[in-house]
Amino acid sequence: MAKFGKKYQDALKLIEADKFYAPKEAVELVKKTSVTKFDSTVEVAFKLGVNPKYADQQVRGALVLPHGTGKSKSVLVFAKGAKVQEAEAAGADYVGGEELVAKIQGGWTDFEVCVATPDMMGVDVTRAINEIKAGKIEYRTDKAGNVQAPIGKASFTEQQLLENYITLVDTLIKVKPSGAKGQYIKSITVSTTMGPGVKIDVLKANSDK
């Protein structure tokens, strides 16, 4: 059995083991139970009543959290001509064409997200960069029907975390697959990096109370 440090044990004492918390209580607790010296990421884990091996029960997509994730991703943009200046003005970290392709083929991977301009892929480059920098996250079910996604940092205010959380829950509810039967959201747990999990009452899943 894994042994946890004193900070973790002290944090665990703040959580009632058999209690399912309202979202507002849960984010208050998760801030108090952060155990790392660095600014922990706050994550939400959902167990959904879906079987992703069937096409009509897959859950995946992307959304922009109202308060971002607390981390700015480095963005590479493939562009040429006037689109180079547009991408740079929008905040891209790396902009180029064939020379970047050659660099990547040589093993360079010092970026997190890649975007191509309309003449290369068909995307509004300014909007794409702005959304990524603003805190766009992706979500998808794993083989067991679980979804995990970040909703911010432990340094965020309780209101920021709550609003990000509700945006994520509302999105998952809206994209409920047509093939999903029975209870859709089976469990929700919020936690910080290396911190204990706080269980949320699924009957109050998108409540702001």
Protein backbone atom coordinates (compact mmCIF):
# COMPACT_ATOMS: atom_id res chain seq x y z
CA MET A 1 0.00 0.00 0.00
CA ALA A 2 1.36 3.43 -0.95
CA LYS A 3 2.55 5.65 1.89
CA PHE A 4 1.57 9.29 1.81
CA GLY A 5 3.40 12.19 3.44
CA LYS A 6 2.23 14.22 6.42
CA LYS A 7 0.90 17.04 4.21
CA TYR A 8 -1.28 14.58 2.31
CA GLN A 9 -2.51 12.95 5.53
CA ASP A 10 -3.36 16.37 7.02
CA ALA A 11 -5.19 17.35 3.82
CA LEU A 12 -7.12 14.08 3.86
CA LYS A 13 -8.42 14.85 7.35
CA LEU A 14 -10.24 17.89 5.96
CA ILE A 15 -12.35 15.69 3.66
CA GLU A 16 -15.23 13.57 4.92
CA ALA A 17 -14.62 10.18 3.30
CA ASP A 18 -18.26 9.28 2.63
CA LYS A 19 -19.51 12.76 1.79
CA PHE A 20 -20.45 14.00 -1.67
CA TYR A 21 -19.94 17.76 -1.79
CA ALA A 22 -21.73 20.50 -3.67
CA PRO A 23 -19.43 22.02 -6.34
CA LYS A 24 -18.85 25.25 -4.37
CA GLU A 25 -17.82 23.31 -1.25
CA ALA A 26 -15.62 21.03 -3.35
CA VAL A 27 -13.56 23.84 -4.89
CA GLU A 28 -13.18 25.48 -1.47
CA LEU A 29 -11.85 22.19 -0.11
CA VAL A 30 -9.59 21.45 -3.05
CA LYS A 31 -7.78 24.76 -2.54
CA LYS A 32 -7.25 23.92 1.15
CA THR A 33 -5.97 20.41 0.34
CA SER A 34 -3.28 21.39 -2.16
CA VAL A 35 -0.09 19.71 -0.88
CA THR A 36 2.63 20.86 -3.30
CA LYS A 37 5.06 23.74 -2.96
CA PHE A 38 4.35 24.74 -6.56
CA ASP A 39 1.04 26.07 -7.87
CA SER A 40 -0.88 22.82 -8.38
CA THR A 41 -3.17 22.15 -11.31
CA VAL A 42 -6.80 21.53 -10.34
CA GLU A 43 -8.31 18.63 -12.30
CA VAL A 44 -11.77 17.15 -12.56
CA ALA A 45 -12.32 13.45 -13.28
CA PHE A 46 -15.68 12.23 -14.58
CA LYS A 47 -16.93 8.67 -14.84
CA LEU A 48 -19.51 8.67 -17.63
CA GLY A 49 -22.13 6.06 -18.41
CA VAL A 50 -20.89 5.50 -21.96
CA ASN A 51 -19.07 2.76 -23.84
CA PRO A 52 -16.55 4.57 -26.09
CA LYS A 53 -15.98 1.51 -28.29
CA TYR A 54 -19.28 2.40 -29.97
CA ALA A 55 -19.20 5.41 -32.29
CA ASP A 56 -22.48 6.81 -30.95
CA GLN A 57 -21.17 6.82 -27.35
CA GLN A 58 -17.90 8.70 -27.76
CA VAL A 59 -17.42 11.99 -25.95
CA ARG A 60 -14.72 14.35 -27.20
CA GLY A 61 -14.30 17.99 -28.04
CA ALA A 62 -12.76 21.28 -26.93
CA LEU A 63 -13.84 24.38 -25.05
CA VAL A 64 -12.41 27.65 -23.79
CA LEU A 65 -12.57 28.01 -20.01
CA PRO A 66 -13.74 31.50 -18.91
CA HIS A 67 -10.68 31.97 -16.68
CA GLY A 68 -8.19 29.87 -18.62
CA THR A 69 -6.08 27.08 -17.14
CA GLY A 70 -3.36 29.17 -15.53
CA LYS A 71 -0.87 27.94 -18.10
CA SER A 72 -0.09 29.59 -21.43
CA LYS A 73 0.70 27.05 -24.14
CA SER A 74 3.46 27.62 -26.66
CA VAL A 75 1.97 27.82 -30.15
CA LEU A 76 3.63 27.08 -33.48
CA VAL A 77 1.95 28.39 -36.64
CA PHE A 78 2.62 27.29 -40.20
CA ALA A 79 2.08 30.43 -42.27
CA LYS A 80 3.38 32.43 -45.22
CA GLY A 81 2.97 35.90 -46.66
CA ALA A 82 0.76 38.34 -44.76
CA LYS A 83 -0.40 35.53 -42.45
CA VAL A 84 3.05 35.52 -40.80
CA GLN A 85 2.47 39.02 -39.38
CA GLU A 86 -1.11 38.12 -38.41
CA ALA A 87 0.09 35.08 -36.47
CA GLU A 88 2.86 37.04 -34.73
CA ALA A 89 0.42 39.80 -33.79
CA ALA A 90 -1.96 37.21 -32.32
CA GLY A 91 0.78 35.94 -30.01
CA ALA A 92 2.22 32.89 -31.78
CA ASP A 93 5.54 31.74 -30.32
CA TYR A 94 6.93 30.29 -33.56
CA VAL A 95 5.89 31.18 -37.12
CA GLY A 96 7.24 29.82 -40.39
CA GLY A 97 6.84 27.46 -43.29
CA GLU A 98 9.04 24.82 -44.86
CA GLU A 99 11.98 25.68 -42.58
CA LEU A 100 9.89 24.75 -39.51
CA VAL A 101 8.83 21.49 -41.16
CA ALA A 102 12.49 20.61 -41.69
CA LYS A 103 13.31 21.57 -38.09
CA ILE A 104 10.53 19.32 -36.74
CA GLN A 105 11.62 16.47 -38.99
CA GLY A 106 15.04 16.89 -37.43
CA GLY A 107 13.58 16.21 -33.99
CA TRP A 108 12.69 19.70 -32.68
CA THR A 109 9.51 19.67 -30.59
CA ASP A 110 9.76 22.80 -28.42
CA PHE A 111 6.05 23.72 -28.77
CA GLU A 112 2.75 22.40 -27.43
CA VAL A 113 0.13 23.29 -30.05
CA CYS A 114 0.38 23.54 -33.82
CA VAL A 115 -1.91 25.68 -36.02
CA ALA A 116 -1.92 26.14 -39.80
CA THR A 117 -3.17 29.22 -41.64
CA PRO A 118 -6.18 29.00 -44.03
CA ASP A 119 -4.05 28.57 -47.15
CA MET A 120 -2.54 25.52 -45.51
CA MET A 121 -5.40 24.05 -43.49
CA GLY A 122 -8.53 26.20 -43.42
CA VAL A 123 -8.48 27.75 -39.95
CA ASP A 124 -9.00 31.32 -38.68
CA VAL A 125 -5.45 31.68 -37.37
CA THR A 126 -6.07 34.69 -35.09
CA ARG A 127 -9.08 33.08 -33.47
CA ALA A 128 -7.28 29.74 -33.08
CA ILE A 129 -4.26 31.32 -31.37
CA ASN A 130 -6.41 33.51 -29.13
CA GLU A 131 -8.49 30.53 -27.99
CA ILE A 132 -5.41 28.42 -27.22
CA LYS A 133 -3.74 31.26 -25.31
CA ALA A 134 -7.00 32.00 -23.46
CA GLY A 135 -7.20 28.50 -22.04
CA LYS A 136 -8.71 26.19 -24.63
CA ILE A 137 -8.77 22.61 -23.38
CA GLU A 138 -9.60 19.32 -25.04
CA TYR A 139 -11.54 16.49 -23.47
CA ARG A 140 -12.21 12.91 -24.52
CA THR A 141 -13.29 9.66 -22.93
CA ASP A 142 -10.70 6.97 -22.32
CA LYS A 143 -11.45 3.28 -22.91
CA ALA A 144 -13.28 3.04 -19.58
CA GLY A 145 -15.52 6.05 -20.20
CA ASN A 146 -13.57 8.46 -17.99
CA VAL A 147 -12.87 12.10 -18.81
CA GLN A 148 -10.14 14.11 -17.08
CA ALA A 149 -9.57 17.81 -17.64
CA PRO A 150 -7.84 20.75 -15.90
CA ILE A 151 -9.95 23.66 -14.63
CA GLY A 152 -7.20 25.94 -13.37
CA LYS A 153 -4.61 26.30 -10.63
CA ALA A 154 -4.80 26.11 -6.84
CA SER A 155 -3.99 29.85 -6.80
CA PHE A 156 -7.23 30.64 -8.65
CA THR A 157 -10.07 32.10 -6.60
CA GLU A 158 -12.88 29.77 -5.60
CA GLN A 159 -15.20 31.65 -7.97
CA GLN A 160 -12.82 31.24 -10.92
CA LEU A 161 -12.50 27.51 -10.30
CA LEU A 162 -16.26 27.15 -9.86
CA GLU A 163 -17.04 29.00 -13.10
CA ASN A 164 -14.47 26.96 -15.04
CA TYR A 165 -15.87 23.75 -13.54
CA ILE A 166 -19.47 24.63 -14.42
CA THR A 167 -18.47 25.52 -17.99
CA LEU A 168 -16.87 22.08 -18.34
CA VAL A 169 -19.84 20.22 -16.82
CA ASP A 170 -22.37 22.12 -18.93
CA THR A 171 -20.32 21.30 -22.04
CA LEU A 172 -20.21 17.58 -21.21
CA ILE A 173 -23.98 17.56 -20.61
CA LYS A 174 -24.61 19.30 -23.97
CA VAL A 175 -22.51 16.74 -25.86
CA LYS A 176 -24.15 13.71 -24.24
CA PRO A 177 -24.06 11.02 -26.96
CA SER A 178 -27.33 9.80 -28.43
CA GLY A 179 -26.31 6.22 -27.63
CA ALA A 180 -25.77 6.85 -23.90
CA LYS A 181 -28.42 5.08 -21.81
CA GLY A 182 -29.17 5.28 -18.09
CA GLN A 183 -27.24 7.58 -15.78
CA TYR A 184 -24.88 9.74 -17.84
CA ILE A 185 -22.62 11.28 -15.17
CA LYS A 186 -21.85 8.52 -12.68
CA SER A 187 -19.19 10.21 -10.56
CA ILE A 188 -17.18 13.43 -10.34
CA THR A 189 -13.97 13.95 -8.38
CA VAL A 190 -11.93 17.14 -8.17
CA SER A 191 -8.32 17.20 -6.96
CA THR A 192 -5.03 19.04 -7.14
CA THR A 193 -1.70 17.63 -8.33
CA MET A 194 -0.74 14.89 -5.85
CA GLY A 195 -3.59 15.94 -3.56
CA PRO A 196 -6.56 13.89 -2.30
CA GLY A 197 -9.78 13.70 -4.31
CA VAL A 198 -12.97 15.49 -3.31
CA LYS A 199 -16.16 13.77 -4.47
CA ILE A 200 -18.92 15.94 -5.95
CA ASP A 201 -22.61 15.17 -5.66
CA VAL A 202 -23.67 14.31 -9.24
CA LEU A 203 -27.22 15.47 -8.49
CA LYS A 204 -25.74 18.95 -8.04
CA ALA A 205 -23.22 18.52 -10.86
CA ASN A 206 -23.68 21.95 -12.47
CA SER A 207 -24.94 23.87 -9.43
CA ASP A 208 -23.10 27.08 -8.55
CA LYS A 209 -23.99 26.63 -4.87
